[in-house]
């Protein structure tokens, strides 16, 4: 839950980097909340089968749209890719697969052009 809140604290921050853990916990929590809200929508009768969305889940989706875009851009920054790569998702199927692969890649060790390593590593070997 702390990773989800961390992403929400950076509501519209498109600069910097996000670790895989922050990104994937944010995605997981969003899926769980969306599922629960869809069930509640069905139970109270606010789910529309034609539009395939309910009132509560629709409001939640709109509320987390910007944080979702921001955490995805920061995740792309972590693998040293421009945030504009998010637009590849507009290509049906192929774009989603490419973005999924990008989100699974480990971040670049040490600093890159988008900022310091969110794990705190410098990318240099430490002598103990």
N, C-alpha and C. Protein backbone atom coordinates (compact mmCIF):
# COMPACT_ATOMS: atom_id res chain seq x y z
N UNK A 1 0.82 -1.19 0.00
CA UNK A 1 0.00 0.00 0.00
C UNK A 1 0.86 1.26 0.00
N UNK A 2 2.04 1.18 0.62
CA UNK A 2 2.90 2.37 0.67
C UNK A 2 3.39 2.75 -0.73
N UNK A 3 3.60 1.76 -1.59
CA UNK A 3 4.03 2.06 -2.96
C UNK A 3 2.91 2.76 -3.73
N UNK A 4 1.68 2.37 -3.47
CA UNK A 4 0.54 3.02 -4.11
C UNK A 4 0.43 4.46 -3.65
N UNK A 5 0.55 4.67 -2.35
CA UNK A 5 0.47 6.03 -1.81
C UNK A 5 1.64 6.88 -2.29
N UNK A 6 2.80 6.28 -2.42
CA UNK A 6 3.97 7.00 -2.93
C UNK A 6 3.71 7.51 -4.35
N UNK A 7 3.10 6.68 -5.17
CA UNK A 7 2.77 7.09 -6.54
C UNK A 7 1.71 8.18 -6.54
N UNK A 8 0.75 8.10 -5.63
CA UNK A 8 -0.29 9.13 -5.55
C UNK A 8 0.25 10.45 -5.03
N UNK A 9 1.26 10.40 -4.16
CA UNK A 9 1.88 11.63 -3.67
C UNK A 9 2.53 12.39 -4.82
N UNK A 10 3.01 11.65 -5.79
CA UNK A 10 3.61 12.26 -6.99
C UNK A 10 2.54 12.34 -8.07
N UNK A 11 1.38 12.88 -7.73
CA UNK A 11 0.18 12.86 -8.56
C UNK A 11 0.44 13.19 -10.02
N UNK A 12 1.09 14.30 -10.29
CA UNK A 12 1.32 14.72 -11.68
C UNK A 12 2.80 14.99 -11.92
N UNK A 13 3.67 14.23 -11.27
CA UNK A 13 5.11 14.39 -11.44
C UNK A 13 5.56 13.46 -12.56
N UNK A 14 5.92 14.06 -13.68
CA UNK A 14 6.33 13.27 -14.84
C UNK A 14 7.85 13.22 -14.97
N UNK A 15 8.56 13.83 -14.04
CA UNK A 15 10.02 13.81 -14.08
C UNK A 15 10.52 12.83 -13.03
N UNK A 16 11.74 12.39 -13.20
CA UNK A 16 12.33 11.44 -12.27
C UNK A 16 12.11 10.01 -12.72
N UNK A 17 12.36 9.10 -11.79
CA UNK A 17 12.32 7.68 -12.11
C UNK A 17 11.49 6.93 -11.07
N UNK A 18 10.87 5.82 -11.50
CA UNK A 18 10.12 4.94 -10.59
C UNK A 18 10.63 3.52 -10.74
N UNK A 19 10.82 2.88 -9.61
CA UNK A 19 11.26 1.48 -9.62
C UNK A 19 10.15 0.58 -10.12
N UNK A 20 10.53 -0.63 -10.51
CA UNK A 20 9.53 -1.62 -10.93
C UNK A 20 8.54 -1.89 -9.81
N UNK A 21 9.04 -1.97 -8.59
CA UNK A 21 8.16 -2.28 -7.46
C UNK A 21 7.09 -1.21 -7.29
N UNK A 22 7.47 0.06 -7.38
CA UNK A 22 6.50 1.14 -7.25
C UNK A 22 5.45 1.05 -8.36
N UNK A 23 5.92 0.82 -9.58
CA UNK A 23 5.01 0.74 -10.72
C UNK A 23 4.06 -0.44 -10.58
N UNK A 24 4.57 -1.63 -10.31
CA UNK A 24 3.74 -2.83 -10.31
C UNK A 24 2.80 -2.89 -9.11
N UNK A 25 3.22 -2.37 -7.95
CA UNK A 25 2.29 -2.31 -6.83
C UNK A 25 1.18 -1.31 -7.09
N UNK A 26 1.50 -0.21 -7.77
CA UNK A 26 0.48 0.76 -8.15
C UNK A 26 -0.53 0.11 -9.11
N UNK A 27 -0.04 -0.62 -10.10
CA UNK A 27 -0.92 -1.31 -11.05
C UNK A 27 -1.77 -2.36 -10.34
N UNK A 28 -1.15 -3.16 -9.47
CA UNK A 28 -1.88 -4.20 -8.74
C UNK A 28 -2.99 -3.60 -7.88
N UNK A 29 -2.65 -2.55 -7.13
CA UNK A 29 -3.66 -1.94 -6.27
C UNK A 29 -4.79 -1.34 -7.10
N UNK A 30 -4.45 -0.72 -8.24
CA UNK A 30 -5.49 -0.18 -9.13
C UNK A 30 -6.42 -1.28 -9.63
N UNK A 31 -5.87 -2.41 -10.01
CA UNK A 31 -6.71 -3.53 -10.48
C UNK A 31 -7.64 -4.03 -9.38
N UNK A 32 -7.12 -4.16 -8.18
CA UNK A 32 -7.94 -4.63 -7.06
C UNK A 32 -9.07 -3.65 -6.78
N UNK A 33 -8.75 -2.36 -6.70
CA UNK A 33 -9.76 -1.35 -6.42
C UNK A 33 -10.80 -1.31 -7.54
N UNK A 34 -10.34 -1.37 -8.79
CA UNK A 34 -11.28 -1.34 -9.92
C UNK A 34 -12.22 -2.54 -9.89
N UNK A 35 -11.69 -3.72 -9.55
CA UNK A 35 -12.51 -4.92 -9.46
C UNK A 35 -13.56 -4.80 -8.36
N UNK A 36 -13.13 -4.34 -7.20
CA UNK A 36 -14.06 -4.18 -6.07
C UNK A 36 -15.14 -3.14 -6.41
N UNK A 37 -14.74 -2.03 -7.00
CA UNK A 37 -15.71 -1.01 -7.36
C UNK A 37 -16.68 -1.50 -8.44
N UNK A 38 -16.20 -2.31 -9.37
CA UNK A 38 -17.09 -2.88 -10.38
C UNK A 38 -18.12 -3.81 -9.73
N UNK A 39 -17.68 -4.59 -8.75
CA UNK A 39 -18.63 -5.44 -8.02
C UNK A 39 -19.66 -4.60 -7.27
N UNK A 40 -19.21 -3.55 -6.63
CA UNK A 40 -20.14 -2.67 -5.92
C UNK A 40 -21.11 -2.02 -6.90
N UNK A 41 -20.60 -1.61 -8.06
CA UNK A 41 -21.46 -1.03 -9.09
C UNK A 41 -22.55 -2.02 -9.52
N UNK A 42 -22.17 -3.28 -9.67
CA UNK A 42 -23.15 -4.30 -10.06
C UNK A 42 -24.19 -4.51 -8.97
N UNK A 43 -23.73 -4.50 -7.73
CA UNK A 43 -24.65 -4.74 -6.61
C UNK A 43 -25.65 -3.60 -6.42
N UNK A 44 -25.21 -2.37 -6.63
CA UNK A 44 -26.12 -1.24 -6.40
C UNK A 44 -26.82 -0.79 -7.68
N UNK A 45 -26.49 -1.44 -8.79
CA UNK A 45 -27.21 -1.17 -10.04
C UNK A 45 -26.69 0.00 -10.85
N UNK A 46 -25.47 0.43 -10.60
CA UNK A 46 -24.92 1.56 -11.37
C UNK A 46 -23.96 1.10 -12.46
N UNK A 47 -23.92 -0.20 -12.72
CA UNK A 47 -23.06 -0.74 -13.78
C UNK A 47 -23.83 -0.76 -15.09
N UNK A 48 -23.20 -0.27 -16.15
CA UNK A 48 -23.82 -0.26 -17.47
C UNK A 48 -23.16 -1.33 -18.33
N UNK A 49 -23.92 -2.35 -18.71
CA UNK A 49 -23.37 -3.42 -19.55
C UNK A 49 -23.05 -2.92 -20.94
N UNK A 50 -23.77 -1.92 -21.41
CA UNK A 50 -23.53 -1.37 -22.75
C UNK A 50 -22.18 -0.66 -22.79
N UNK A 51 -21.91 0.16 -21.77
CA UNK A 51 -20.65 0.90 -21.74
C UNK A 51 -19.55 0.13 -21.02
N UNK A 52 -19.91 -0.96 -20.38
CA UNK A 52 -18.99 -1.84 -19.68
C UNK A 52 -18.22 -1.13 -18.56
N UNK A 53 -18.89 -0.19 -17.90
CA UNK A 53 -18.29 0.50 -16.76
C UNK A 53 -19.39 0.98 -15.84
N UNK A 54 -19.08 1.10 -14.58
CA UNK A 54 -20.05 1.58 -13.61
C UNK A 54 -19.72 2.99 -13.16
N UNK A 55 -20.61 3.56 -12.39
CA UNK A 55 -20.44 4.93 -11.92
C UNK A 55 -19.21 5.06 -11.02
N UNK A 56 -19.11 4.22 -9.99
CA UNK A 56 -17.99 4.32 -9.06
C UNK A 56 -16.65 3.98 -9.72
N UNK A 57 -16.64 2.91 -10.51
CA UNK A 57 -15.38 2.54 -11.18
C UNK A 57 -14.99 3.58 -12.23
N UNK A 58 -15.95 4.23 -12.85
CA UNK A 58 -15.66 5.29 -13.81
C UNK A 58 -15.05 6.50 -13.15
N UNK A 59 -15.60 6.89 -11.99
CA UNK A 59 -15.05 8.03 -11.25
C UNK A 59 -13.64 7.72 -10.77
N UNK A 60 -13.43 6.48 -10.28
CA UNK A 60 -12.10 6.08 -9.83
C UNK A 60 -11.10 6.09 -10.99
N UNK A 61 -11.52 5.59 -12.14
CA UNK A 61 -10.64 5.56 -13.31
C UNK A 61 -10.20 6.96 -13.71
N UNK A 62 -11.13 7.89 -13.68
CA UNK A 62 -10.78 9.27 -14.00
C UNK A 62 -9.85 9.88 -12.95
N UNK A 63 -10.07 9.52 -11.69
CA UNK A 63 -9.26 10.07 -10.60
C UNK A 63 -7.81 9.60 -10.68
N UNK A 64 -7.57 8.38 -11.14
CA UNK A 64 -6.20 7.86 -11.18
C UNK A 64 -5.59 7.90 -12.59
N UNK A 65 -6.24 8.55 -13.52
CA UNK A 65 -5.71 8.62 -14.89
C UNK A 65 -4.35 9.33 -14.92
N UNK A 66 -4.27 10.51 -14.34
CA UNK A 66 -3.02 11.27 -14.37
C UNK A 66 -1.92 10.57 -13.57
N UNK A 67 -2.20 10.07 -12.35
CA UNK A 67 -1.13 9.34 -11.64
C UNK A 67 -0.66 8.10 -12.40
N UNK A 68 -1.56 7.43 -13.10
CA UNK A 68 -1.18 6.25 -13.88
C UNK A 68 -0.24 6.65 -15.02
N UNK A 69 -0.58 7.71 -15.72
CA UNK A 69 0.30 8.19 -16.78
C UNK A 69 1.65 8.63 -16.22
N UNK A 70 1.62 9.32 -15.08
CA UNK A 70 2.86 9.82 -14.48
C UNK A 70 3.78 8.68 -14.03
N UNK A 71 3.23 7.68 -13.35
CA UNK A 71 4.07 6.58 -12.88
C UNK A 71 4.59 5.75 -14.06
N UNK A 72 3.82 5.66 -15.14
CA UNK A 72 4.29 4.95 -16.33
C UNK A 72 5.43 5.70 -17.00
N UNK A 73 5.31 7.01 -17.08
CA UNK A 73 6.39 7.82 -17.67
C UNK A 73 7.64 7.71 -16.81
N UNK A 74 7.49 7.78 -15.49
CA UNK A 74 8.66 7.65 -14.62
C UNK A 74 9.28 6.26 -14.72
N UNK A 75 8.45 5.24 -14.94
CA UNK A 75 8.98 3.88 -15.14
C UNK A 75 9.79 3.81 -16.43
N UNK A 76 9.29 4.45 -17.48
CA UNK A 76 10.05 4.51 -18.73
C UNK A 76 11.36 5.26 -18.54
N UNK A 77 11.34 6.30 -17.73
CA UNK A 77 12.57 7.03 -17.44
C UNK A 77 13.58 6.14 -16.72
N UNK A 78 13.09 5.23 -15.89
CA UNK A 78 13.99 4.35 -15.15
C UNK A 78 14.77 3.42 -16.08
N UNK A 79 14.20 3.08 -17.22
CA UNK A 79 14.93 2.24 -18.18
C UNK A 79 15.58 3.10 -19.25
N UNK A 80 15.71 4.41 -18.98
CA UNK A 80 16.38 5.37 -19.85
C UNK A 80 15.68 5.54 -21.19
N UNK A 81 14.36 5.55 -21.15
CA UNK A 81 13.55 5.82 -22.34
C UNK A 81 12.74 7.08 -22.09
N UNK A 82 12.47 7.79 -23.16
CA UNK A 82 11.66 8.99 -23.07
C UNK A 82 10.23 8.63 -22.67
N UNK A 83 9.58 9.55 -21.98
CA UNK A 83 8.19 9.33 -21.59
C UNK A 83 7.26 9.27 -22.79
N UNK A 84 7.71 9.79 -23.93
CA UNK A 84 6.88 9.76 -25.13
C UNK A 84 6.64 8.33 -25.62
N UNK A 85 7.43 7.37 -25.14
CA UNK A 85 7.22 5.97 -25.50
C UNK A 85 5.86 5.46 -25.03
N UNK A 86 5.23 6.18 -24.10
CA UNK A 86 3.91 5.78 -23.63
C UNK A 86 2.90 5.78 -24.78
N UNK A 87 3.16 6.60 -25.79
CA UNK A 87 2.26 6.69 -26.94
C UNK A 87 2.27 5.43 -27.80
N UNK A 88 3.25 4.56 -27.61
CA UNK A 88 3.28 3.31 -28.37
C UNK A 88 2.06 2.45 -28.01
N UNK A 89 1.48 2.75 -26.87
CA UNK A 89 0.28 2.02 -26.44
C UNK A 89 -0.90 2.29 -27.37
N UNK A 90 -0.82 3.30 -28.20
CA UNK A 90 -1.89 3.60 -29.15
C UNK A 90 -1.93 2.61 -30.32
N UNK A 91 -0.83 1.88 -30.52
CA UNK A 91 -0.81 0.86 -31.57
C UNK A 91 -1.48 -0.39 -30.99
N UNK A 92 -2.56 -0.84 -31.60
CA UNK A 92 -3.29 -1.99 -31.03
C UNK A 92 -2.40 -3.22 -30.86
N UNK A 93 -2.53 -3.89 -29.75
CA UNK A 93 -1.86 -5.12 -29.36
C UNK A 93 -0.34 -4.99 -29.28
N UNK A 94 0.32 -4.63 -30.38
CA UNK A 94 1.79 -4.54 -30.40
C UNK A 94 2.27 -3.51 -29.39
N UNK A 95 1.62 -2.35 -29.36
CA UNK A 95 2.00 -1.29 -28.45
C UNK A 95 1.90 -1.71 -27.00
N UNK A 96 0.84 -2.41 -26.65
CA UNK A 96 0.65 -2.88 -25.28
C UNK A 96 1.72 -3.90 -24.90
N UNK A 97 2.07 -4.76 -25.83
CA UNK A 97 3.11 -5.76 -25.57
C UNK A 97 4.45 -5.09 -25.36
N UNK A 98 4.78 -4.12 -26.20
CA UNK A 98 6.05 -3.40 -26.07
C UNK A 98 6.11 -2.67 -24.74
N UNK A 99 5.03 -1.99 -24.36
CA UNK A 99 5.00 -1.27 -23.09
C UNK A 99 5.10 -2.23 -21.91
N UNK A 100 4.48 -3.41 -22.02
CA UNK A 100 4.60 -4.42 -20.98
C UNK A 100 6.05 -4.87 -20.83
N UNK A 101 6.71 -5.14 -21.94
CA UNK A 101 8.12 -5.56 -21.89
C UNK A 101 8.98 -4.47 -21.27
N UNK A 102 8.73 -3.22 -21.67
CA UNK A 102 9.49 -2.10 -21.10
C UNK A 102 9.29 -2.01 -19.59
N UNK A 103 8.07 -2.23 -19.14
CA UNK A 103 7.80 -2.11 -17.70
C UNK A 103 8.40 -3.26 -16.91
N UNK A 104 8.71 -4.35 -17.57
CA UNK A 104 9.33 -5.50 -16.89
C UNK A 104 10.85 -5.41 -16.84
N UNK A 105 11.44 -4.56 -17.68
CA UNK A 105 12.90 -4.45 -17.72
C UNK A 105 13.44 -3.82 -16.45
N UNK A 106 14.62 -4.25 -16.00
CA UNK A 106 15.22 -3.61 -14.83
C UNK A 106 15.68 -2.19 -15.20
N UNK A 107 15.67 -1.32 -14.22
CA UNK A 107 16.12 0.05 -14.43
C UNK A 107 17.61 0.12 -14.68
N UNK A 108 18.03 1.21 -15.29
CA UNK A 108 19.46 1.38 -15.52
C UNK A 108 20.13 1.65 -14.18
N UNK A 109 21.23 0.96 -13.90
CA UNK A 109 21.92 1.18 -12.62
C UNK A 109 22.58 2.56 -12.61
N UNK A 110 22.59 3.19 -11.47
CA UNK A 110 23.19 4.51 -11.35
C UNK A 110 22.31 5.58 -11.96
N UNK A 111 22.85 6.76 -12.03
CA UNK A 111 22.11 7.88 -12.60
C UNK A 111 22.01 7.75 -14.11
N UNK A 112 20.92 8.26 -14.65
CA UNK A 112 20.79 8.39 -16.10
C UNK A 112 20.31 9.80 -16.38
N UNK A 113 19.95 10.10 -17.59
CA UNK A 113 19.59 11.48 -17.96
C UNK A 113 18.30 11.95 -17.28
N UNK A 114 17.56 11.05 -16.65
CA UNK A 114 16.31 11.41 -16.01
C UNK A 114 16.43 11.54 -14.49
N UNK A 115 17.61 11.26 -13.95
CA UNK A 115 17.81 11.45 -12.52
C UNK A 115 18.58 10.31 -11.88
N UNK A 116 18.71 10.38 -10.56
CA UNK A 116 19.44 9.34 -9.84
C UNK A 116 18.65 8.03 -9.77
N UNK A 117 19.37 6.96 -9.50
CA UNK A 117 18.77 5.65 -9.36
C UNK A 117 17.82 5.65 -8.17
N UNK A 118 16.54 5.28 -8.36
CA UNK A 118 15.61 5.26 -7.24
C UNK A 118 15.94 4.23 -6.17
N UNK A 119 16.78 3.26 -6.52
CA UNK A 119 17.20 2.27 -5.53
C UNK A 119 18.33 2.81 -4.67
N UNK A 120 18.90 3.95 -5.07
CA UNK A 120 19.97 4.56 -4.31
C UNK A 120 21.35 4.07 -4.68
N UNK A 121 21.43 3.13 -5.63
CA UNK A 121 22.73 2.62 -6.07
C UNK A 121 23.40 3.64 -6.97
N UNK A 122 24.70 3.71 -6.91
CA UNK A 122 25.44 4.65 -7.75
C UNK A 122 25.90 4.00 -9.04
N UNK A 123 25.81 2.69 -9.11
CA UNK A 123 26.24 2.00 -10.31
C UNK A 123 27.71 1.67 -10.28
N UNK A 124 28.42 2.08 -9.22
CA UNK A 124 29.83 1.80 -9.08
C UNK A 124 30.04 0.67 -8.07
N UNK A 125 31.08 -0.08 -8.27
CA UNK A 125 31.39 -1.17 -7.34
C UNK A 125 31.86 -0.58 -6.01
N UNK A 126 31.36 -1.11 -4.92
CA UNK A 126 31.74 -0.63 -3.60
C UNK A 126 32.83 -1.52 -3.04
N UNK A 127 33.82 -0.89 -2.43
CA UNK A 127 34.91 -1.63 -1.78
C UNK A 127 34.63 -1.63 -0.31
N UNK A 128 34.59 -2.84 0.28
CA UNK A 128 34.28 -2.96 1.71
C UNK A 128 35.51 -3.30 2.47
